[in-house]
N, C-alpha and C. Protein backbone atom coordinates (compact mmCIF):
# COMPACT_ATOMS: atom_id res chain seq x y z
N MET A 1 1.05 -1.41 0.17
CA MET A 1 -0.02 0.01 0.14
C MET A 1 0.87 0.68 0.16
N THR A 2 0.39 2.08 -0.82
CA THR A 2 1.72 3.52 -1.19
C THR A 2 0.39 4.80 0.28
N ASN A 3 1.44 5.93 0.30
CA ASN A 3 1.18 7.13 1.56
C ASN A 3 0.81 7.36 0.48
N GLN A 4 -0.17 7.53 -0.86
CA GLN A 4 -0.96 8.41 -1.88
C GLN A 4 -1.58 9.17 -1.17
N PRO A 5 -1.56 10.61 -1.89
CA PRO A 5 -2.79 11.86 -1.54
C PRO A 5 -4.15 11.42 -1.21
N PRO A 6 -4.82 11.60 -0.73
CA PRO A 6 -6.27 11.38 -1.22
C PRO A 6 -6.48 12.45 -2.75
N LEU A 7 -7.71 11.89 -3.65
CA LEU A 7 -7.71 11.33 -4.92
C LEU A 7 -8.30 13.60 -4.76
N ALA A 8 -9.39 13.60 -3.88
CA ALA A 8 -9.48 15.45 -4.22
C ALA A 8 -8.53 16.15 -3.84
N GLU A 9 -7.12 16.10 -2.73
CA GLU A 9 -5.99 17.00 -3.27
C GLU A 9 -5.02 17.06 -4.78
N LEU A 10 -5.22 15.49 -4.91
CA LEU A 10 -4.04 15.64 -6.26
C LEU A 10 -5.33 16.06 -7.01
N LEU A 11 -6.60 16.32 -7.91
CA LEU A 11 -7.11 16.81 -8.30
C LEU A 11 -7.27 18.31 -8.71
N ARG A 12 -6.78 19.32 -6.57
CA ARG A 12 -7.14 20.53 -6.77
C ARG A 12 -5.43 20.99 -7.06
N ALA A 13 -4.26 19.94 -6.63
CA ALA A 13 -3.20 20.42 -7.05
C ALA A 13 -2.81 20.59 -8.72
N ALA A 14 -3.78 19.55 -9.61
CA ALA A 14 -3.00 18.88 -10.36
C ALA A 14 -3.78 19.91 -11.36
N THR A 15 -5.42 21.32 -10.68
CA THR A 15 -5.90 22.05 -11.58
C THR A 15 -5.91 23.42 -11.26
N ARG A 16 -4.84 23.63 -10.80
CA ARG A 16 -4.86 24.75 -9.43
C ARG A 16 -4.45 25.85 -10.35
N GLU A 17 -3.33 25.94 -11.40
CA GLU A 17 -2.80 26.91 -12.53
C GLU A 17 -4.06 26.94 -13.22
N GLN A 18 -5.14 25.78 -13.99
CA GLN A 18 -5.92 26.14 -14.54
C GLN A 18 -7.29 26.58 -13.68
N HIS A 19 -7.17 26.50 -12.59
CA HIS A 19 -8.14 26.57 -12.33
C HIS A 19 -8.10 29.00 -11.92
N GLN A 20 -7.34 28.93 -10.99
CA GLN A 20 -6.45 30.10 -11.60
C GLN A 20 -6.76 31.19 -12.62
N GLN A 21 -6.50 30.71 -13.67
CA GLN A 21 -6.61 30.97 -15.34
C GLN A 21 -8.56 31.41 -15.07
N LEU A 22 -9.21 30.21 -15.24
CA LEU A 22 -10.65 30.25 -15.56
C LEU A 22 -10.76 31.24 -13.86
N ASP A 23 -10.97 31.80 -12.90
CA ASP A 23 -11.01 32.51 -12.26
C ASP A 23 -10.92 33.90 -12.36
N ARG A 24 -9.71 34.54 -13.72
CA ARG A 24 -9.07 35.63 -13.51
C ARG A 24 -9.56 35.49 -14.96
N HIS A 25 -10.65 34.75 -15.51
CA HIS A 25 -10.86 35.19 -17.07
C HIS A 25 -11.76 36.44 -17.17
N PRO A 26 -11.14 37.34 -17.99
CA PRO A 26 -12.17 38.71 -18.54
C PRO A 26 -13.95 38.42 -18.34
N LEU A 27 -14.01 37.11 -18.91
CA LEU A 27 -15.64 37.53 -18.95
C LEU A 27 -16.20 36.82 -17.21
N LEU A 28 -15.59 36.06 -16.19
CA LEU A 28 -15.56 35.69 -14.97
C LEU A 28 -15.69 36.49 -14.16
N ARG A 29 -14.21 37.20 -14.33
CA ARG A 29 -13.92 38.04 -13.29
C ARG A 29 -15.30 39.27 -12.37
N PRO A 30 -16.01 39.94 -13.10
CA PRO A 30 -17.37 40.71 -12.94
C PRO A 30 -18.13 40.21 -12.30
N LEU A 31 -18.03 39.06 -11.81
CA LEU A 31 -19.14 38.32 -11.17
C LEU A 31 -19.04 37.90 -9.98
N ILE A 32 -17.43 38.21 -9.34
CA ILE A 32 -16.80 38.10 -8.64
C ILE A 32 -16.71 39.89 -7.69
N GLN A 33 -16.68 41.06 -8.95
CA GLN A 33 -15.86 42.16 -8.55
C GLN A 33 -17.57 43.07 -8.04
N PRO A 34 -17.44 43.89 -7.44
CA PRO A 34 -18.15 45.06 -7.21
C PRO A 34 -18.51 45.91 -8.23
N GLY A 35 -19.55 45.73 -8.24
CA GLY A 35 -20.18 47.29 -9.27
C GLY A 35 -20.95 46.17 -10.69
N ILE A 36 -20.67 44.60 -10.58
CA ILE A 36 -21.36 43.86 -11.63
C ILE A 36 -22.33 44.52 -13.05
N ARG A 37 -21.64 44.90 -13.48
CA ARG A 37 -23.64 45.28 -14.96
C ARG A 37 -24.50 44.27 -15.68
N ALA A 38 -25.93 44.32 -16.06
CA ALA A 38 -26.33 43.18 -15.92
C ALA A 38 -25.91 42.43 -17.40
N GLU A 39 -25.23 43.65 -18.24
CA GLU A 39 -24.56 42.86 -19.40
C GLU A 39 -23.57 41.94 -18.99
N GLN A 40 -22.48 42.68 -17.78
CA GLN A 40 -21.69 41.66 -17.95
C GLN A 40 -22.05 40.01 -17.45
N TYR A 41 -22.85 40.30 -16.37
CA TYR A 41 -23.56 38.67 -16.06
C TYR A 41 -24.65 38.38 -17.33
N SER A 42 -25.43 38.52 -17.95
CA SER A 42 -25.49 37.96 -18.58
C SER A 42 -24.99 37.14 -19.93
N ALA A 43 -23.32 38.53 -20.42
CA ALA A 43 -22.27 37.89 -21.45
C ALA A 43 -22.03 36.20 -20.74
N ALA A 44 -21.70 36.55 -19.16
CA ALA A 44 -20.71 35.01 -18.35
C ALA A 44 -21.95 33.96 -18.80
N LEU A 45 -23.17 34.09 -17.87
CA LEU A 45 -23.90 33.25 -18.55
C LEU A 45 -23.57 33.14 -19.52
N ALA A 46 -23.78 33.56 -20.83
CA ALA A 46 -24.07 33.05 -22.13
C ALA A 46 -22.88 32.09 -22.63
N ALA A 47 -21.38 32.34 -21.55
CA ALA A 47 -20.68 31.84 -21.73
C ALA A 47 -20.47 30.34 -21.33
N LEU A 48 -21.07 30.58 -20.38
CA LEU A 48 -21.39 29.05 -19.45
C LEU A 48 -21.88 28.51 -20.15
N HIS A 49 -22.67 28.74 -20.61
CA HIS A 49 -23.72 27.78 -21.16
C HIS A 49 -23.21 26.42 -21.49
N GLY A 50 -22.63 26.65 -23.13
CA GLY A 50 -22.21 25.89 -24.33
C GLY A 50 -21.08 24.88 -23.36
N PRO A 51 -19.79 25.43 -22.35
CA PRO A 51 -19.25 23.93 -21.20
C PRO A 51 -20.05 23.49 -20.69
N THR A 52 -20.79 24.07 -19.53
CA THR A 52 -21.43 23.53 -19.16
C THR A 52 -22.50 22.27 -19.16
N ALA A 53 -23.23 23.19 -20.29
CA ALA A 53 -23.95 21.75 -21.21
C ALA A 53 -23.63 20.14 -21.64
N GLU A 54 -22.05 20.62 -22.52
CA GLU A 54 -21.63 19.93 -22.30
C GLU A 54 -20.29 19.04 -21.04
N LEU A 55 -20.03 19.47 -20.29
CA LEU A 55 -19.53 18.50 -19.35
C LEU A 55 -20.94 18.21 -18.71
N GLU A 56 -22.06 18.70 -18.38
CA GLU A 56 -22.82 18.35 -17.24
C GLU A 56 -23.28 16.27 -18.45
N ARG A 57 -23.21 16.83 -19.38
CA ARG A 57 -23.78 15.56 -20.36
C ARG A 57 -22.79 14.46 -20.45
N GLN A 58 -21.39 14.77 -20.18
CA GLN A 58 -20.01 13.93 -20.16
C GLN A 58 -20.74 13.22 -18.47
N VAL A 59 -20.94 13.82 -17.98
CA VAL A 59 -20.54 13.34 -16.68
C VAL A 59 -21.90 12.53 -15.99
N GLU A 60 -23.00 12.60 -17.33
CA GLU A 60 -24.45 11.64 -16.41
C GLU A 60 -24.32 10.27 -16.54
N PRO A 61 -23.53 9.54 -16.83
CA PRO A 61 -23.41 7.89 -17.34
C PRO A 61 -23.30 7.55 -15.78
N LEU A 62 -22.36 8.64 -15.00
CA LEU A 62 -22.41 7.74 -13.22
C LEU A 62 -22.78 7.97 -12.85
N PHE A 63 -24.50 8.65 -13.01
CA PHE A 63 -25.71 8.44 -12.28
C PHE A 63 -26.88 7.66 -13.46
N GLN A 64 -26.11 7.53 -13.71
CA GLN A 64 -27.52 6.63 -14.50
C GLN A 64 -28.07 5.69 -13.14
N GLY A 65 -29.15 5.06 -13.35
CA GLY A 65 -29.66 3.73 -12.51
C GLY A 65 -29.88 4.38 -11.01
N GLN A 66 -29.38 4.83 -11.05
CA GLN A 66 -29.29 5.52 -9.64
C GLN A 66 -30.52 6.04 -9.26
N SER A 67 -30.86 5.86 -7.63
CA SER A 67 -31.48 6.46 -6.91
C SER A 67 -32.07 7.47 -5.69
N GLY A 68 -32.69 7.92 -5.42
CA GLY A 68 -32.55 8.71 -4.19
C GLY A 68 -31.23 9.97 -4.88
N PRO A 69 -30.90 10.46 -3.74
CA PRO A 69 -29.96 11.89 -3.55
C PRO A 69 -28.99 11.70 -4.48
N GLY A 70 -29.04 12.56 -5.36
CA GLY A 70 -27.80 12.23 -6.57
C GLY A 70 -27.29 13.96 -6.87
N TYR A 71 -26.52 13.70 -8.08
CA TYR A 71 -25.89 14.91 -8.92
C TYR A 71 -27.28 15.22 -9.35
N SER A 72 -27.36 16.96 -9.56
CA SER A 72 -28.40 17.52 -9.78
C SER A 72 -27.63 18.31 -10.80
N PRO A 73 -28.26 18.21 -12.25
CA PRO A 73 -27.75 19.07 -13.74
C PRO A 73 -28.41 20.69 -13.46
N ARG A 74 -27.25 21.47 -13.37
CA ARG A 74 -27.47 23.22 -13.35
C ARG A 74 -27.91 23.99 -13.99
N ILE A 75 -27.73 23.06 -15.50
CA ILE A 75 -28.16 23.62 -16.80
C ILE A 75 -29.27 24.61 -17.02
N ARG A 76 -30.35 23.49 -16.44
CA ARG A 76 -31.71 24.13 -16.90
C ARG A 76 -31.96 25.63 -16.35
N LEU A 77 -31.52 25.69 -15.17
CA LEU A 77 -31.04 27.10 -14.20
C LEU A 77 -30.50 28.03 -15.05
N LEU A 78 -29.47 27.46 -15.42
CA LEU A 78 -28.47 28.59 -16.27
C LEU A 78 -29.50 29.32 -18.37
N ALA A 79 -29.95 28.04 -18.11
CA ALA A 79 -30.58 28.79 -19.66
C ALA A 79 -32.10 29.54 -19.11
N GLN A 80 -32.79 29.35 -17.88
CA GLN A 80 -33.52 29.70 -17.64
C GLN A 80 -33.68 31.60 -17.05
N ASP A 81 -32.06 31.98 -16.46
CA ASP A 81 -31.94 32.42 -16.28
C ASP A 81 -30.97 33.65 -17.70
N LEU A 82 -30.74 32.67 -17.77
CA LEU A 82 -30.76 33.62 -19.11
C LEU A 82 -31.29 33.94 -19.92
N ALA A 83 -32.34 33.41 -20.91
CA ALA A 83 -34.11 33.26 -21.19
C ALA A 83 -34.66 34.40 -20.73
N ARG A 84 -34.46 34.42 -19.35
CA ARG A 84 -35.46 35.91 -18.41
C ARG A 84 -34.91 37.22 -18.74
N LEU A 85 -33.10 36.85 -19.17
CA LEU A 85 -32.46 38.58 -19.18
C LEU A 85 -32.51 38.39 -20.62
N HIS A 86 -32.86 37.79 -21.44
CA HIS A 86 -33.18 38.11 -23.20
C HIS A 86 -32.04 37.46 -23.80
N GLY A 87 -31.02 36.90 -23.15
CA GLY A 87 -30.15 36.39 -23.78
C GLY A 87 -30.00 35.47 -24.55
N GLN A 88 -28.80 34.65 -25.15
CA GLN A 88 -28.96 33.40 -26.32
C GLN A 88 -27.35 33.20 -26.03
N PRO A 89 -27.19 31.41 -25.48
CA PRO A 89 -26.68 30.72 -24.86
C PRO A 89 -25.63 30.92 -26.33
N ARG A 90 -23.95 31.42 -26.05
CA ARG A 90 -23.14 30.76 -27.08
C ARG A 90 -22.60 29.55 -27.12
N PRO A 91 -22.42 29.41 -28.65
CA PRO A 91 -22.87 28.05 -29.21
C PRO A 91 -20.62 27.04 -28.23
N TYR A 92 -21.37 25.65 -27.79
CA TYR A 92 -20.24 25.88 -27.71
C TYR A 92 -18.57 25.94 -28.75
N GLN A 93 -17.44 26.57 -27.99
CA GLN A 93 -16.70 26.54 -29.09
C GLN A 93 -15.45 26.09 -28.96
N GLY A 94 -15.32 24.95 -27.60
CA GLY A 94 -14.63 24.62 -26.71
C GLY A 94 -13.20 23.70 -27.53
N PRO A 95 -12.42 22.68 -26.98
CA PRO A 95 -12.29 21.76 -27.66
C PRO A 95 -12.68 21.04 -27.08
N LEU A 96 -12.82 19.93 -28.27
CA LEU A 96 -13.92 18.34 -27.75
C LEU A 96 -13.14 17.57 -26.69
N LEU A 97 -14.38 17.14 -25.68
CA LEU A 97 -14.39 16.90 -24.81
C LEU A 97 -14.83 15.69 -24.40
N LYS A 98 -14.14 14.55 -24.10
CA LYS A 98 -14.34 13.02 -24.17
C LYS A 98 -13.80 12.22 -23.04
N LEU A 99 -14.84 12.27 -22.00
CA LEU A 99 -14.69 11.33 -20.56
C LEU A 99 -15.22 10.04 -20.83
N HIS A 100 -14.33 9.10 -20.94
CA HIS A 100 -14.40 8.39 -21.65
C HIS A 100 -14.35 7.18 -21.02
N ASN A 101 -14.22 7.19 -19.71
CA ASN A 101 -14.38 6.05 -18.79
C ASN A 101 -14.49 6.91 -16.87
N PRO A 102 -14.93 5.67 -16.25
CA PRO A 102 -16.58 6.83 -14.81
C PRO A 102 -14.55 7.41 -14.32
N ALA A 103 -13.48 7.45 -14.14
CA ALA A 103 -12.89 7.54 -13.52
C ALA A 103 -12.21 9.32 -14.48
N GLN A 104 -12.40 9.44 -15.72
CA GLN A 104 -12.55 10.94 -16.29
C GLN A 104 -13.79 11.57 -16.16
N GLN A 105 -14.87 10.58 -15.92
CA GLN A 105 -16.17 11.59 -15.58
C GLN A 105 -16.16 11.54 -13.99
N ILE A 106 -15.60 11.25 -13.11
CA ILE A 106 -15.82 11.79 -11.98
C ILE A 106 -14.56 13.22 -11.78
N GLY A 107 -13.59 13.14 -12.95
CA GLY A 107 -12.49 14.26 -13.03
C GLY A 107 -13.54 15.90 -13.45
N GLY A 108 -14.48 15.21 -13.85
CA GLY A 108 -15.12 16.26 -14.94
C GLY A 108 -16.26 16.71 -13.83
N LEU A 109 -16.73 15.72 -12.94
CA LEU A 109 -17.49 16.15 -12.28
C LEU A 109 -17.21 16.98 -10.54
N TYR A 110 -15.61 17.09 -10.37
CA TYR A 110 -14.76 17.51 -9.60
C TYR A 110 -15.14 19.07 -10.20
N VAL A 111 -15.15 19.78 -11.35
CA VAL A 111 -15.28 20.86 -11.91
C VAL A 111 -16.15 21.48 -11.85
N LEU A 112 -17.65 20.41 -12.46
CA LEU A 112 -18.83 20.94 -12.22
C LEU A 112 -19.21 21.25 -10.78
N GLU A 113 -18.63 20.60 -10.07
CA GLU A 113 -19.10 20.30 -7.70
C GLU A 113 -18.47 21.77 -7.99
N GLY A 114 -17.22 21.97 -8.09
CA GLY A 114 -16.56 23.06 -7.78
C GLY A 114 -16.91 24.18 -8.12
N SER A 115 -17.63 24.56 -8.82
CA SER A 115 -18.29 25.27 -9.66
C SER A 115 -18.94 25.63 -8.73
N ARG A 116 -19.87 24.73 -8.72
CA ARG A 116 -21.31 24.68 -7.83
C ARG A 116 -21.07 25.16 -5.94
N MET A 117 -19.48 24.73 -5.54
CA MET A 117 -19.48 25.79 -4.25
C MET A 117 -18.90 27.16 -4.73
N GLY A 118 -18.67 27.63 -5.59
CA GLY A 118 -18.31 28.70 -6.39
C GLY A 118 -19.73 29.95 -5.89
N ALA A 119 -20.29 28.83 -6.67
CA ALA A 119 -21.39 29.66 -7.15
C ALA A 119 -22.14 30.78 -5.55
N PHE A 120 -21.69 30.30 -4.13
CA PHE A 120 -22.66 30.40 -3.52
C PHE A 120 -21.38 32.39 -3.24
N ALA A 121 -20.74 32.27 -3.64
CA ALA A 121 -20.13 33.43 -3.51
C ALA A 121 -20.38 34.61 -4.80
N ILE A 122 -20.78 34.33 -5.66
CA ILE A 122 -21.51 35.20 -6.68
C ILE A 122 -22.15 35.25 -7.04
N ALA A 123 -23.57 34.39 -5.98
CA ALA A 123 -24.41 35.20 -5.98
C ALA A 123 -24.93 35.79 -4.80
N GLN A 124 -23.97 35.81 -3.74
CA GLN A 124 -24.29 36.69 -3.21
C GLN A 124 -23.54 37.77 -3.11
N ARG A 125 -22.62 38.20 -4.19
CA ARG A 125 -22.10 39.62 -5.19
C ARG A 125 -23.55 40.42 -5.96
N LEU A 126 -24.36 38.75 -6.37
CA LEU A 126 -25.18 39.31 -7.58
C LEU A 126 -26.77 39.39 -6.73
N GLU A 127 -27.09 39.20 -5.60
CA GLU A 127 -27.55 40.17 -4.11
C GLU A 127 -27.51 41.28 -4.28
N GLN A 128 -26.64 41.47 -4.08
CA GLN A 128 -26.14 43.16 -3.92
C GLN A 128 -25.75 43.96 -4.53
N ASP A 129 -25.39 43.52 -6.05
CA ASP A 129 -25.20 44.45 -7.37
C ASP A 129 -26.30 44.57 -7.97
N LEU A 130 -27.24 43.12 -8.19
CA LEU A 130 -28.02 43.48 -9.39
C LEU A 130 -29.47 42.36 -8.60
N PRO A 131 -30.57 42.73 -7.40
CA PRO A 131 -31.11 41.69 -6.84
C PRO A 131 -32.09 41.90 -7.93
N ASP A 132 -32.74 42.78 -8.11
CA ASP A 132 -33.95 42.09 -9.37
C ASP A 132 -33.96 41.02 -10.50
N LEU A 133 -32.13 40.39 -10.95
CA LEU A 133 -31.99 39.99 -12.10
C LEU A 133 -32.23 38.13 -11.44
N PRO A 134 -32.66 37.60 -12.57
CA PRO A 134 -32.69 36.23 -11.53
C PRO A 134 -31.35 35.55 -11.51
N ARG A 135 -30.86 34.62 -10.51
CA ARG A 135 -29.61 34.17 -10.30
C ARG A 135 -29.97 33.33 -9.58
N ASP A 136 -30.91 31.55 -10.81
CA ASP A 136 -31.06 30.53 -10.10
C ASP A 136 -29.69 29.82 -10.79
N PHE A 137 -29.05 29.54 -11.24
CA PHE A 137 -28.21 28.83 -11.59
C PHE A 137 -26.83 29.31 -10.54
N PHE A 138 -26.57 30.14 -10.11
CA PHE A 138 -25.97 30.64 -8.86
C PHE A 138 -26.63 30.10 -7.31
N GLY A 139 -27.98 31.04 -7.47
CA GLY A 139 -27.97 30.94 -6.30
C GLY A 139 -28.41 30.00 -5.98
N ASN A 140 -28.86 28.43 -6.15
CA ASN A 140 -29.37 27.23 -6.67
C ASN A 140 -28.06 26.20 -6.37
N GLY A 141 -27.37 26.79 -7.17
CA GLY A 141 -26.39 26.06 -6.67
C GLY A 141 -24.96 26.07 -5.25
N GLY A 142 -25.16 27.00 -4.86
CA GLY A 142 -24.60 27.21 -3.56
C GLY A 142 -24.29 25.82 -2.41
N ARG A 143 -23.21 25.60 -2.72
CA ARG A 143 -23.75 24.35 -0.91
C ARG A 143 -22.37 24.80 -0.47
N ARG A 144 -21.94 24.43 0.75
CA ARG A 144 -21.09 24.91 1.39
C ARG A 144 -19.96 23.66 1.59
N GLY A 145 -20.41 22.57 1.15
CA GLY A 145 -19.41 21.70 1.05
C GLY A 145 -19.72 19.88 -0.11
N TRP A 146 -19.18 18.85 -0.10
CA TRP A 146 -19.49 18.56 -1.07
C TRP A 146 -20.33 17.68 -0.66
N PRO A 147 -21.83 17.46 -1.82
CA PRO A 147 -22.59 16.75 -1.31
C PRO A 147 -22.37 15.04 -0.97
N ASP A 148 -23.40 14.48 -0.88
CA ASP A 148 -23.70 13.06 0.08
C ASP A 148 -22.61 12.46 -1.29
N TYR A 149 -23.19 12.41 -2.42
CA TYR A 149 -23.04 11.38 -3.26
C TYR A 149 -20.97 11.49 -3.83
N TRP A 150 -20.45 12.47 -3.89
CA TRP A 150 -18.89 12.49 -3.92
C TRP A 150 -17.91 11.80 -2.93
N PRO A 151 -17.99 11.20 -2.15
CA PRO A 151 -17.32 10.60 -1.65
C PRO A 151 -17.03 8.89 -1.44
N PRO A 152 -18.53 8.74 -1.75
CA PRO A 152 -18.85 6.82 -2.61
C PRO A 152 -17.67 7.15 -4.09
N LEU A 153 -18.09 7.99 -4.30
CA LEU A 153 -17.25 7.84 -6.42
C LEU A 153 -15.91 8.40 -5.92
N LEU A 154 -15.69 8.99 -5.21
CA LEU A 154 -14.19 8.27 -5.37
C LEU A 154 -13.16 7.65 -3.75
N ALA A 155 -13.95 7.15 -3.50
CA ALA A 155 -13.72 5.94 -3.11
C ALA A 155 -14.12 4.64 -3.90
N SER A 156 -14.64 4.98 -5.09
CA SER A 156 -14.92 3.65 -5.97
C SER A 156 -13.37 3.63 -6.74
N LEU A 157 -12.69 4.49 -7.03
CA LEU A 157 -11.73 4.32 -7.76
C LEU A 157 -10.68 4.19 -6.96
N ASP A 158 -10.01 2.76 -7.62
CA ASP A 158 -8.56 2.91 -6.90
C ASP A 158 -7.53 3.47 -7.46
N PRO A 159 -6.43 3.41 -6.22
CA PRO A 159 -5.14 4.53 -7.03
C PRO A 159 -4.77 4.16 -8.25
N SER A 160 -4.97 3.49 -9.16
CA SER A 160 -4.41 3.23 -10.37
C SER A 160 -5.22 4.58 -11.91
N GLN A 161 -6.55 4.52 -10.98
CA GLN A 161 -6.49 5.26 -11.59
C GLN A 161 -7.23 6.86 -11.71
N TYR A 162 -6.27 7.37 -10.63
CA TYR A 162 -6.03 8.20 -10.34
C TYR A 162 -5.64 9.57 -11.19
N PRO A 163 -4.74 8.77 -11.93
CA PRO A 163 -4.26 9.62 -13.47
C PRO A 163 -5.03 10.18 -14.35
N ASP A 164 -6.75 9.37 -14.68
CA ASP A 164 -7.38 9.30 -15.70
C ASP A 164 -8.76 10.50 -15.19
N ALA A 165 -8.92 10.40 -14.00
CA ALA A 165 -9.69 11.15 -12.91
C ALA A 165 -8.36 12.55 -13.04
N ILE A 166 -7.68 12.89 -12.74
CA ILE A 166 -6.95 13.96 -12.55
C ILE A 166 -7.46 14.65 -14.38
N GLN A 167 -6.77 13.82 -15.32
CA GLN A 167 -6.90 13.80 -17.15
C GLN A 167 -8.55 13.99 -17.17
N GLY A 168 -9.31 14.08 -16.97
CA GLY A 168 -10.73 14.16 -17.08
C GLY A 168 -11.08 15.95 -15.95
N ALA A 169 -10.24 16.34 -14.99
CA ALA A 169 -10.37 16.98 -15.00
C ALA A 169 -9.56 18.42 -15.18
N GLN A 170 -8.61 18.45 -16.14
CA GLN A 170 -8.01 19.45 -16.87
C GLN A 170 -8.59 19.03 -18.65
N GLN A 171 -9.39 18.43 -18.47
CA GLN A 171 -9.94 18.56 -19.78
C GLN A 171 -10.66 19.01 -19.34
N ALA A 172 -11.91 19.01 -18.67
CA ALA A 172 -13.40 19.97 -18.31
C ALA A 172 -12.81 21.86 -18.10
N PHE A 173 -11.76 21.85 -17.13
CA PHE A 173 -10.86 23.05 -17.29
C PHE A 173 -10.42 23.98 -18.44
N GLU A 174 -10.23 22.88 -19.25
CA GLU A 174 -9.46 23.82 -20.72
C GLU A 174 -10.77 23.89 -21.26
N ALA A 175 -11.74 23.38 -21.28
CA ALA A 175 -12.72 23.37 -22.19
C ALA A 175 -13.84 24.51 -21.84
N PHE A 176 -13.86 24.97 -20.48
CA PHE A 176 -14.30 26.07 -19.97
C PHE A 176 -13.37 27.50 -20.61
N ILE A 177 -11.93 26.74 -20.49
CA ILE A 177 -11.05 28.22 -20.79
C ILE A 177 -11.49 28.92 -22.32
N GLN A 178 -10.97 27.56 -22.85
CA GLN A 178 -11.19 27.83 -24.39
C GLN A 178 -12.01 28.51 -24.77
N HIS A 179 -13.63 27.59 -24.67
CA HIS A 179 -14.59 28.54 -24.86
C HIS A 179 -14.40 29.80 -24.69
N LEU A 180 -14.86 30.06 -23.53
CA LEU A 180 -14.45 31.16 -23.09
C LEU A 180 -12.87 32.53 -23.89
N SER A 181 -12.56 31.79 -23.77
CA SER A 181 -11.76 32.82 -24.47
C SER A 181 -12.01 32.89 -26.19
N ALA A 182 -12.19 31.42 -26.76
CA ALA A 182 -13.66 32.01 -28.05
C ALA A 182 -14.45 33.04 -27.71
N CYS A 183 -15.15 33.33 -26.99
CA CYS A 183 -15.86 33.97 -26.61
C CYS A 183 -15.74 35.60 -25.98
N HIS A 184 -14.37 35.69 -25.88
CA HIS A 184 -14.50 36.54 -25.39
C HIS A 184 -13.90 37.23 -26.82
């Protein structure tokens, strides 16, 4: 048995740079800064639609046939918010995203769930600066901790599958980064 760090820690370390790059992206940065304008918010939602929809589609097989509380896709909430703002989703322009196995899909889910947790801070900013605008995508997404299904998914992987999970997370971050850059 090796003394390998937990997968969540490995995922965080392997994607730290991409995560920072995404957080600093010009389309997303206004979401957490004071004074966000409605058009900035709408542009961010329009740009987030493509990679979010693609990634949610890719991780869906992890939850097929399961009952009880599980993953809750948020693309419908994003689309509703965007429609209420009279915005249009930007067509996906990122790299071909292929999460071929459950380990890669878990890596992709790491990115989706991380964005769900980050949504809490964005929802607070939107409440302050744009209280009359819809914010279900961010407002209903914020959880302060990982959901109940996350620990069993991580435990389902053997350490030999960790590289695939890391690759899946890196692919997911790259999909967001490249798509947002194409939209900017």
